[in-house]
Structures are given as C-alpha cells and as structure tokens.
Amino acid sequence: MISAVRSAQSGKEVAAEPSCWQKYAACGGVEAAVFFSPEGERGNARSRRELQARRICQTCPVLGQCREYALGAGELYGTWGGMSEADRRRHAQ
C-alpha cells in the first residue's frame, strides 16, 4: 500500500513516495548535485545550477506529479517539479 499526503497546491491526495512516478522522470540518471545545492552555494553559481535543473524539469513527463509530491510532502531542499527551495517557500506563504 502506498501512503499518501494531501497536496497543499490542489488539495488532492498524492503519493507520499516518489517511487510510483519517479521511474518516468527526466532527471533519472542526472547527478543529484544538479538538483541539490552543495553547502555554501550562493549567487550566480546557485542561479546557474537551478536554471540547469529547471531546464531538465521543463522536459519532464511527470513534472506535475513531482511538484505535487514536493509541495505535499513539504520537501525543504532541492529543485522538485521545476520549483526551487525558494519557489516552494513562496508558494507556501
């Protein structure tokens, strides 16, 4: 049985684990460092990395599921569904 969380965005229940859709993600096989910032990353380096991650997300067939998961599960770190950490914080306000 897959546990579920309620999405803050849509109010719908979404899979609490990304494994059910993750195998279709465009980021499969891409280094996690593209989506998660190393400690101390700031400024232009962070912006470039986030842009690279967003470009991958734009081509993803499961972008919506990924974003719903991240918002529903309260993911604090990384780029998920084309949204950076700052994007998700702004969305939550």
PDB file of N, CA and C in Angstrom:
ATOM      1  N   MET A   1       0.840  -1.181   0.000  1.00  0.00           N
ATOM      2  CA  MET A   1       0.000   0.000   0.000  1.00  0.00           C
ATOM      3  C   MET A   1       0.882   1.240   0.000  1.00  0.00           C
ATOM      4  N   ILE A   2       0.578   2.191  -0.880  1.00  0.00           N
ATOM      5  CA  ILE A   2       1.334   3.430  -0.968  1.00  0.00           C
ATOM      6  C   ILE A   2       0.663   4.454  -0.076  1.00  0.00           C
ATOM      7  N   SER A   3       1.435   5.042   0.826  1.00  0.00           N
ATOM      8  CA  SER A   3       0.854   6.069   1.673  1.00  0.00           C
ATOM      9  C   SER A   3       0.692   7.348   0.871  1.00  0.00           C
ATOM     10  N   ALA A   4      -0.195   8.232   1.327  1.00  0.00           N
ATOM     11  CA  ALA A   4      -0.482   9.454   0.589  1.00  0.00           C
ATOM     12  C   ALA A   4      -0.421  10.655   1.519  1.00  0.00           C
ATOM     13  N   VAL A   5      -0.183  11.811   0.915  1.00  0.00           N
ATOM     14  CA  VAL A   5      -0.245  13.083   1.620  1.00  0.00           C
ATOM     15  C   VAL A   5      -1.172  13.986   0.828  1.00  0.00           C
ATOM     16  N   ARG A   6      -1.752  14.965   1.481  1.00  0.00           N
ATOM     17  CA  ARG A   6      -2.625  15.913   0.793  1.00  0.00           C
ATOM     18  C   ARG A   6      -1.773  17.043   0.254  1.00  0.00           C
ATOM     19  N   SER A   7      -1.916  17.323  -1.022  1.00  0.00           N
ATOM     20  CA  SER A   7      -1.167  18.380  -1.681  1.00  0.00           C
ATOM     21  C   SER A   7      -1.634  19.741  -1.210  1.00  0.00           C
ATOM     22  N   ALA A   8      -0.679  20.607  -0.864  1.00  0.00           N
ATOM     23  CA  ALA A   8      -1.019  21.969  -0.487  1.00  0.00           C
ATOM     24  C   ALA A   8      -1.523  22.750  -1.686  1.00  0.00           C
ATOM     25  N   GLN A   9      -1.116  22.358  -2.883  1.00  0.00           N
ATOM     26  CA  GLN A   9      -1.497  23.079  -4.096  1.00  0.00           C
ATOM     27  C   GLN A   9      -2.914  22.745  -4.536  1.00  0.00           C
ATOM     28  N   SER A  10      -3.230  21.475  -4.644  1.00  0.00           N
ATOM     29  CA  SER A  10      -4.522  21.098  -5.212  1.00  0.00           C
ATOM     30  C   SER A  10      -5.516  20.559  -4.192  1.00  0.00           C
ATOM     31  N   GLY A  11      -5.044  20.203  -3.009  1.00  0.00           N
ATOM     32  CA  GLY A  11      -5.916  19.592  -2.022  1.00  0.00           C
ATOM     33  C   GLY A  11      -6.150  18.114  -2.263  1.00  0.00           C
ATOM     34  N   LYS A  12      -5.609  17.583  -3.373  1.00  0.00           N
ATOM     35  CA  LYS A  12      -5.757  16.170  -3.699  1.00  0.00           C
ATOM     36  C   LYS A  12      -4.709  15.354  -2.958  1.00  0.00           C
ATOM     37  N   GLU A  13      -5.017  14.089  -2.761  1.00  0.00           N
ATOM     38  CA  GLU A  13      -4.026  13.199  -2.187  1.00  0.00           C
ATOM     39  C   GLU A  13      -3.046  12.788  -3.273  1.00  0.00           C
ATOM     40  N   VAL A  14      -1.768  12.805  -2.929  1.00  0.00           N
ATOM     41  CA  VAL A  14      -0.721  12.388  -3.853  1.00  0.00           C
ATOM     42  C   VAL A  14       0.141  11.348  -3.156  1.00  0.00           C
ATOM     43  N   ALA A  15       0.835  10.563  -3.948  1.00  0.00           N
ATOM     44  CA  ALA A  15       1.701   9.532  -3.380  1.00  0.00           C
ATOM     45  C   ALA A  15       2.746  10.169  -2.487  1.00  0.00           C
ATOM     46  N   ALA A  16       2.919   9.625  -1.298  1.00  0.00           N
ATOM     47  CA  ALA A  16       3.896  10.154  -0.359  1.00  0.00           C
ATOM     48  C   ALA A  16       5.311   9.746  -0.746  1.00  0.00           C
ATOM     49  N   GLU A  17       5.417   8.771  -1.589  1.00  0.00           N
ATOM     50  CA  GLU A  17       6.719   8.323  -2.064  1.00  0.00           C
ATOM     51  C   GLU A  17       6.802   8.558  -3.564  1.00  0.00           C
ATOM     52  N   PRO A  18       7.915   9.114  -4.023  1.00  0.00           N
ATOM     53  CA  PRO A  18       8.024   9.393  -5.449  1.00  0.00           C
ATOM     54  C   PRO A  18       8.229   8.162  -6.315  1.00  0.00           C
ATOM     55  N   SER A  19       8.417   7.003  -5.724  1.00  0.00           N
ATOM     56  CA  SER A  19       8.782   5.815  -6.495  1.00  0.00           C
ATOM     57  C   SER A  19       7.756   5.412  -7.544  1.00  0.00           C
ATOM     58  N   CYS A  20       6.486   5.749  -7.355  1.00  0.00           N
ATOM     59  CA  CYS A  20       5.464   5.314  -8.305  1.00  0.00           C
ATOM     60  C   CYS A  20       5.536   6.077  -9.625  1.00  0.00           C
ATOM     61  N   TRP A  21       6.100   7.258  -9.669  1.00  0.00           N
ATOM     62  CA  TRP A  21       6.225   8.036 -10.904  1.00  0.00           C
ATOM     63  C   TRP A  21       7.675   8.359 -11.257  1.00  0.00           C
ATOM     64  N   GLN A  22       8.554   8.201 -10.287  1.00  0.00           N
ATOM     65  CA  GLN A  22       9.943   8.625 -10.443  1.00  0.00           C
ATOM     66  C   GLN A  22      10.650   7.926 -11.608  1.00  0.00           C
ATOM     67  N   LYS A  23      10.266   6.703 -11.913  1.00  0.00           N
ATOM     68  CA  LYS A  23      10.945   5.986 -12.988  1.00  0.00           C
ATOM     69  C   LYS A  23      10.733   6.634 -14.347  1.00  0.00           C
ATOM     70  N   TYR A  24       9.744   7.524 -14.470  1.00  0.00           N
ATOM     71  CA  TYR A  24       9.475   8.222 -15.724  1.00  0.00           C
ATOM     72  C   TYR A  24      10.097   9.626 -15.773  1.00  0.00           C
ATOM     73  N   ALA A  25      10.751  10.030 -14.700  1.00  0.00           N
ATOM     74  CA  ALA A  25      11.269  11.393 -14.580  1.00  0.00           C
ATOM     75  C   ALA A  25      12.456  11.660 -15.510  1.00  0.00           C
ATOM     76  N   ALA A  26      12.489  12.865 -16.057  1.00  0.00           N
ATOM     77  CA  ALA A  26      13.580  13.291 -16.943  1.00  0.00           C
ATOM     78  C   ALA A  26      14.906  13.375 -16.195  1.00  0.00           C
ATOM     79  N   CYS A  27      14.866  13.489 -14.889  1.00  0.00           N
ATOM     80  CA  CYS A  27      16.090  13.630 -14.102  1.00  0.00           C
ATOM     81  C   CYS A  27      16.764  12.292 -13.808  1.00  0.00           C
ATOM     82  N   GLY A  28      16.120  11.200 -14.172  1.00  0.00           N
ATOM     83  CA  GLY A  28      16.728   9.891 -13.947  1.00  0.00           C
ATOM     84  C   GLY A  28      18.090   9.809 -14.603  1.00  0.00           C
ATOM     85  N   GLY A  29      19.088   9.444 -13.852  1.00  0.00           N
ATOM     86  CA  GLY A  29      20.440   9.330 -14.389  1.00  0.00           C
ATOM     87  C   GLY A  29      21.244  10.618 -14.327  1.00  0.00           C
ATOM     88  N   VAL A  30      20.598  11.729 -13.948  1.00  0.00           N
ATOM     89  CA  VAL A  30      21.301  13.003 -13.807  1.00  0.00           C
ATOM     90  C   VAL A  30      21.852  13.088 -12.389  1.00  0.00           C
ATOM     91  N   GLU A  31      23.043  13.639 -12.251  1.00  0.00           N
ATOM     92  CA  GLU A  31      23.655  13.766 -10.923  1.00  0.00           C
ATOM     93  C   GLU A  31      22.756  14.579  -9.991  1.00  0.00           C
ATOM     94  N   ALA A  32      22.612  14.113  -8.778  1.00  0.00           N
ATOM     95  CA  ALA A  32      21.777  14.805  -7.788  1.00  0.00           C
ATOM     96  C   ALA A  32      22.276  16.223  -7.525  1.00  0.00           C
ATOM     97  N   ALA A  33      23.565  16.471  -7.723  1.00  0.00           N
ATOM     98  CA  ALA A  33      24.146  17.796  -7.486  1.00  0.00           C
ATOM     99  C   ALA A  33      23.524  18.870  -8.373  1.00  0.00           C
ATOM    100  N   VAL A  34      22.900  18.466  -9.473  1.00  0.00           N
ATOM    101  CA  VAL A  34      22.213  19.438 -10.339  1.00  0.00           C
ATOM    102  C   VAL A  34      20.968  19.959  -9.629  1.00  0.00           C
ATOM    103  N   PHE A  35      20.339  19.137  -8.811  1.00  0.00           N
ATOM    104  CA  PHE A  35      19.071  19.482  -8.176  1.00  0.00           C
ATOM    105  C   PHE A  35      19.201  19.897  -6.717  1.00  0.00           C
ATOM    106  N   PHE A  36      20.319  19.573  -6.088  1.00  0.00           N
ATOM    107  CA  PHE A  36      20.527  19.886  -4.673  1.00  0.00           C
ATOM    108  C   PHE A  36      21.815  20.678  -4.521  1.00  0.00           C
ATOM    109  N   SER A  37      21.726  21.817  -3.852  1.00  0.00           N
ATOM    110  CA  SER A  37      22.888  22.699  -3.740  1.00  0.00           C
ATOM    111  C   SER A  37      23.900  22.176  -2.744  1.00  0.00           C
ATOM    112  N   PRO A  38      25.177  22.322  -3.111  1.00  0.00           N
ATOM    113  CA  PRO A  38      26.215  21.984  -2.144  1.00  0.00           C
ATOM    114  C   PRO A  38      26.246  23.047  -1.044  1.00  0.00           C
ATOM    115  N   GLU A  39      26.772  22.685   0.088  1.00  0.00           N
ATOM    116  CA  GLU A  39      26.844  23.616   1.205  1.00  0.00           C
ATOM    117  C   GLU A  39      27.620  24.869   0.799  1.00  0.00           C
ATOM    118  N   GLY A  40      27.058  26.007   1.130  1.00  0.00           N
ATOM    119  CA  GLY A  40      27.718  27.275   0.872  1.00  0.00           C
ATOM    120  C   GLY A  40      27.496  27.845  -0.519  1.00  0.00           C
ATOM    121  N   GLU A  41      26.729  27.157  -1.356  1.00  0.00           N
ATOM    122  CA  GLU A  41      26.491  27.665  -2.715  1.00  0.00           C
ATOM    123  C   GLU A  41      25.630  28.924  -2.645  1.00  0.00           C
ATOM    124  N   ARG A  42      26.046  29.949  -3.371  1.00  0.00           N
ATOM    125  CA  ARG A  42      25.325  31.218  -3.353  1.00  0.00           C
ATOM    126  C   ARG A  42      25.386  31.886  -4.726  1.00  0.00           C
ATOM    127  N   GLY A  43      24.626  32.954  -4.860  1.00  0.00           N
ATOM    128  CA  GLY A  43      24.725  33.855  -6.002  1.00  0.00           C
ATOM    129  C   GLY A  43      24.603  33.205  -7.356  1.00  0.00           C
ATOM    130  N   ASN A  44      25.525  33.597  -8.253  1.00  0.00           N
ATOM    131  CA  ASN A  44      25.477  33.142  -9.645  1.00  0.00           C
ATOM    132  C   ASN A  44      25.610  31.632  -9.779  1.00  0.00           C
ATOM    133  N   ALA A  45      26.420  31.020  -8.947  1.00  0.00           N
ATOM    134  CA  ALA A  45      26.591  29.563  -9.025  1.00  0.00           C
ATOM    135  C   ALA A  45      25.260  28.861  -8.739  1.00  0.00           C
ATOM    136  N   ARG A  46      24.570  29.331  -7.739  1.00  0.00           N
ATOM    137  CA  ARG A  46      23.269  28.743  -7.388  1.00  0.00           C
ATOM    138  C   ARG A  46      22.248  28.989  -8.500  1.00  0.00           C
ATOM    139  N   SER A  47      22.229  30.196  -9.019  1.00  0.00           N
ATOM    140  CA  SER A  47      21.290  30.537 -10.095  1.00  0.00           C
ATOM    141  C   SER A  47      21.526  29.677 -11.327  1.00  0.00           C
ATOM    142  N   ARG A  48      22.786  29.475 -11.689  1.00  0.00           N
ATOM    143  CA  ARG A  48      23.113  28.642 -12.856  1.00  0.00           C
ATOM    144  C   ARG A  48      22.674  27.202 -12.647  1.00  0.00           C
ATOM    145  N   ARG A  49      22.944  26.663 -11.459  1.00  0.00           N
ATOM    146  CA  ARG A  49      22.562  25.282 -11.168  1.00  0.00           C
ATOM    147  C   ARG A  49      21.045  25.135 -11.199  1.00  0.00           C
ATOM    148  N   GLU A  50      20.321  26.066 -10.578  1.00  0.00           N
ATOM    149  CA  GLU A  50      18.859  25.996 -10.560  1.00  0.00           C
ATOM    150  C   GLU A  50      18.286  26.120 -11.969  1.00  0.00           C
ATOM    151  N   LEU A  51      18.885  26.953 -12.803  1.00  0.00           N
ATOM    152  CA  LEU A  51      18.433  27.079 -14.184  1.00  0.00           C
ATOM    153  C   LEU A  51      18.630  25.771 -14.936  1.00  0.00           C
ATOM    154  N   GLN A  52      19.771  25.134 -14.727  1.00  0.00           N
ATOM    155  CA  GLN A  52      20.032  23.838 -15.366  1.00  0.00           C
ATOM    156  C   GLN A  52      18.994  22.811 -14.922  1.00  0.00           C
ATOM    157  N   ALA A  53      18.678  22.785 -13.637  1.00  0.00           N
ATOM    158  CA  ALA A  53      17.679  21.850 -13.116  1.00  0.00           C
ATOM    159  C   ALA A  53      16.304  22.146 -13.719  1.00  0.00           C
ATOM    160  N   ARG A  54      15.932  23.416 -13.776  1.00  0.00           N
ATOM    161  CA  ARG A  54      14.620  23.790 -14.335  1.00  0.00           C
ATOM    162  C   ARG A  54      14.499  23.395 -15.803  1.00  0.00           C
ATOM    163  N   ARG A  55      15.590  23.514 -16.547  1.00  0.00           N
ATOM    164  CA  ARG A  55      15.560  23.125 -17.959  1.00  0.00           C
ATOM    165  C   ARG A  55      15.281  21.634 -18.105  1.00  0.00           C
ATOM    166  N   ILE A  56      15.850  20.842 -17.235  1.00  0.00           N
ATOM    167  CA  ILE A  56      15.575  19.401 -17.259  1.00  0.00           C
ATOM    168  C   ILE A  56      14.117  19.165 -16.889  1.00  0.00           C
ATOM    169  N   CYS A  57      13.647  19.847 -15.864  1.00  0.00           N
ATOM    170  CA  CYS A  57      12.261  19.690 -15.417  1.00  0.00           C
ATOM    171  C   CYS A  57      11.259  20.064 -16.507  1.00  0.00           C
ATOM    172  N   GLN A  58      11.563  21.071 -17.306  1.00  0.00           N
ATOM    173  CA  GLN A  58      10.639  21.510 -18.353  1.00  0.00           C
ATOM    174  C   GLN A  58      10.330  20.408 -19.357  1.00  0.00           C
ATOM    175  N   THR A  59      11.244  19.476 -19.528  1.00  0.00           N
ATOM    176  CA  THR A  59      11.043  18.393 -20.488  1.00  0.00           C
ATOM    177  C   THR A  59      10.435  17.152 -19.848  1.00  0.00           C
ATOM    178  N   CYS A  60      10.166  17.214 -18.574  1.00  0.00           N
ATOM    179  CA  CYS A  60       9.778  16.021 -17.814  1.00  0.00           C
ATOM    180  C   CYS A  60       8.301  15.660 -17.973  1.00  0.00           C
ATOM    181  N   PRO A  61       8.020  14.394 -18.305  1.00  0.00           N
ATOM    182  CA  PRO A  61       6.626  13.969 -18.449  1.00  0.00           C
ATOM    183  C   PRO A  61       5.883  13.860 -17.113  1.00  0.00           C
ATOM    184  N   VAL A  62       6.602  13.864 -15.995  1.00  0.00           N
ATOM    185  CA  VAL A  62       5.953  13.759 -14.684  1.00  0.00           C
ATOM    186  C   VAL A  62       6.199  15.002 -13.833  1.00  0.00           C
ATOM    187  N   LEU A  63       6.414  16.131 -14.482  1.00  0.00           N
ATOM    188  CA  LEU A  63       6.663  17.386 -13.765  1.00  0.00           C
ATOM    189  C   LEU A  63       5.564  17.668 -12.747  1.00  0.00           C
ATOM    190  N   GLY A  64       4.314  17.508 -13.146  1.00  0.00           N
ATOM    191  CA  GLY A  64       3.196  17.773 -12.242  1.00  0.00           C
ATOM    192  C   GLY A  64       3.194  16.884 -11.018  1.00  0.00           C
ATOM    193  N   GLN A  65       3.434  15.598 -11.222  1.00  0.00           N
ATOM    194  CA  GLN A  65       3.464  14.668 -10.078  1.00  0.00           C
ATOM    195  C   GLN A  65       4.625  15.004  -9.142  1.00  0.00           C
ATOM    196  N   CYS A  66       5.746  15.356  -9.718  1.00  0.00           N
ATOM    197  CA  CYS A  66       6.924  15.702  -8.917  1.00  0.00           C
ATOM    198  C   CYS A  66       6.647  16.944  -8.072  1.00  0.00           C
ATOM    199  N   ARG A  67       6.074  17.957  -8.702  1.00  0.00           N
ATOM    200  CA  ARG A  67       5.754  19.200  -7.993  1.00  0.00           C
ATOM    201  C   ARG A  67       4.726  18.934  -6.899  1.00  0.00           C
ATOM    202  N   GLU A  68       3.688  18.175  -7.216  1.00  0.00           N
ATOM    203  CA  GLU A  68       2.664  17.843  -6.222  1.00  0.00           C
ATOM    204  C   GLU A  68       3.274  17.103  -5.030  1.00  0.00           C
ATOM    205  N   TYR A  69       4.172  16.163  -5.335  1.00  0.00           N
ATOM    206  CA  TYR A  69       4.837  15.433  -4.265  1.00  0.00           C
ATOM    207  C   TYR A  69       5.611  16.388  -3.366  1.00  0.00           C
ATOM    208  N   ALA A  70       6.431  17.243  -3.980  1.00  0.00           N
ATOM    209  CA  ALA A  70       7.286  18.143  -3.200  1.00  0.00           C
ATOM    210  C   ALA A  70       6.467  19.092  -2.333  1.00  0.00           C
ATOM    211  N   LEU A  71       5.404  19.636  -2.896  1.00  0.00           N
ATOM    212  CA  LEU A  71       4.561  20.554  -2.130  1.00  0.00           C
ATOM    213  C   LEU A  71       3.798  19.817  -1.036  1.00  0.00           C
ATOM    214  N   GLY A  72       3.273  18.654  -1.368  1.00  0.00           N
ATOM    215  CA  GLY A  72       2.502  17.886  -0.393  1.00  0.00           C
ATOM    216  C   GLY A  72       3.346  17.321   0.733  1.00  0.00           C
ATOM    217  N   ALA A  73       4.556  16.893   0.396  1.00  0.00           N
ATOM    218  CA  ALA A  73       5.438  16.297   1.399  1.00  0.00           C
ATOM    219  C   ALA A  73       6.257  17.345   2.141  1.00  0.00           C
ATOM    220  N   GLY A  74       6.200  18.592   1.685  1.00  0.00           N
ATOM    221  CA  GLY A  74       6.966  19.651   2.354  1.00  0.00           C
ATOM    222  C   GLY A  74       8.464  19.523   2.145  1.00  0.00           C
ATOM    223  N   GLU A  75       8.878  19.087   0.964  1.00  0.00           N
ATOM    224  CA  GLU A  75      10.315  18.977   0.674  1.00  0.00           C
ATOM    225  C   GLU A  75      10.986  20.326   0.905  1.00  0.00           C
ATOM    226  N   LEU A  76      12.026  20.327   1.709  1.00  0.00           N
ATOM    227  CA  LEU A  76      12.718  21.569   2.043  1.00  0.00           C
ATOM    228  C   LEU A  76      13.885  21.870   1.117  1.00  0.00           C
ATOM    229  N   TYR A  77      14.466  20.845   0.537  1.00  0.00           N
ATOM    230  CA  TYR A  77      15.707  21.035  -0.206  1.00  0.00           C
ATOM    231  C   TYR A  77      15.587  20.567  -1.647  1.00  0.00           C
ATOM    232  N   GLY A  78      16.331  21.220  -2.508  1.00  0.00           N
ATOM    233  CA  GLY A  78      16.437  20.790  -3.892  1.00  0.00           C
ATOM    234  C   GLY A  78      15.393  21.382  -4.819  1.00  0.00           C
ATOM    235  N   THR A  79      15.577  21.109  -6.093  1.00  0.00           N
ATOM    236  CA  THR A  79      14.626  21.502  -7.129  1.00  0.00           C
ATOM    237  C   THR A  79      13.738  20.300  -7.417  1.00  0.00           C
ATOM    238  N   TRP A  80      12.455  20.496  -7.273  1.00  0.00           N
ATOM    239  CA  TRP A  80      11.455  19.444  -7.497  1.00  0.00           C
ATOM    240  C   TRP A  80      10.367  20.017  -8.385  1.00  0.00           C
ATOM    241  N   GLY A  81      10.020  19.342  -9.441  1.00  0.00           N
ATOM    242  CA  GLY A  81       8.946  19.801 -10.310  1.00  0.00           C
ATOM    243  C   GLY A  81       9.181  21.199 -10.853  1.00  0.00           C
ATOM    244  N   GLY A  82      10.431  21.536 -11.086  1.00  0.00           N
ATOM    245  CA  GLY A  82      10.770  22.846 -11.618  1.00  0.00           C
ATOM    246  C   GLY A  82      10.735  23.970 -10.599  1.00  0.00           C
ATOM    247  N   MET A  83      10.520  23.637  -9.336  1.00  0.00           N
ATOM    248  CA  MET A  83      10.468  24.652  -8.278  1.00  0.00           C
ATOM    249  C   MET A  83      11.686  24.533  -7.370  1.00  0.00           C
ATOM    250  N   SER A  84      12.340  25.647  -7.158  1.00  0.00           N
ATOM    251  CA  SER A  84      13.478  25.680  -6.246  1.00  0.00           C
ATOM    252  C   SER A  84      12.970  25.722  -4.804  1.00  0.00           C
ATOM    253  N   GLU A  85      13.908  25.662  -3.866  1.00  0.00           N
ATOM    254  CA  GLU A  85      13.552  25.765  -2.451  1.00  0.00           C
ATOM    255  C   GLU A  85      12.825  27.084  -2.190  1.00  0.00           C
ATOM    256  N   ALA A  86      13.347  28.172  -2.752  1.00  0.00           N
ATOM    257  CA  ALA A  86      12.739  29.493  -2.559  1.00  0.00           C
ATOM    258  C   ALA A  86      11.351  29.554  -3.191  1.00  0.00           C
ATOM    259  N   ASP A  87      11.184  28.935  -4.358  1.00  0.00           N
ATOM    260  CA  ASP A  87       9.868  28.907  -5.015  1.00  0.00           C
ATOM    261  C   ASP A  87       8.844  28.223  -4.119  1.00  0.00           C
ATOM    262  N   ARG A  88       9.223  27.108  -3.525  1.00  0.00           N
ATOM    263  CA  ARG A  88       8.285  26.373  -2.667  1.00  0.00           C
ATOM    264  C   ARG A  88       7.979  27.141  -1.389  1.00  0.00           C
ATOM    265  N   ARG A  89       8.975  27.833  -0.841  1.00  0.00           N
ATOM    266  CA  ARG A  89       8.712  28.657   0.353  1.00  0.00           C
ATOM    267  C   ARG A  89       7.717  29.758   0.010  1.00  0.00           C
ATOM    268  N   ARG A  90       7.896  30.439  -1.123  1.00  0.00           N
ATOM    269  CA  ARG A  90       6.967  31.491  -1.535  1.00  0.00           C
ATOM    270  C   ARG A  90       5.564  30.913  -1.760  1.00  0.00           C
ATOM    271  N   HIS A  91       5.491  29.759  -2.355  1.00  0.00           N
ATOM    272  CA  HIS A  91       4.197  29.125  -2.627  1.00  0.00           C
ATOM    273  C   HIS A  91       3.463  28.798  -1.334  1.00  0.00           C
ATOM    274  N   ALA A  92       4.196  28.427  -0.307  1.00  0.00           N
ATOM    275  CA  ALA A  92       3.600  28.032   0.968  1.00  0.00           C
ATOM    276  C   ALA A  92       3.047  29.210   1.755  1.00  0.00           C
ATOM    277  N   GLN A  93       3.474  30.406   1.425  1.00  0.00           N
ATOM    278  CA  GLN A  93       3.034  31.587   2.185  1.00  0.00           C
ATOM    279  C   GLN A  93       1.636  31.991   1.850  1.00  0.00           C
TER     280      GLN A  93
END
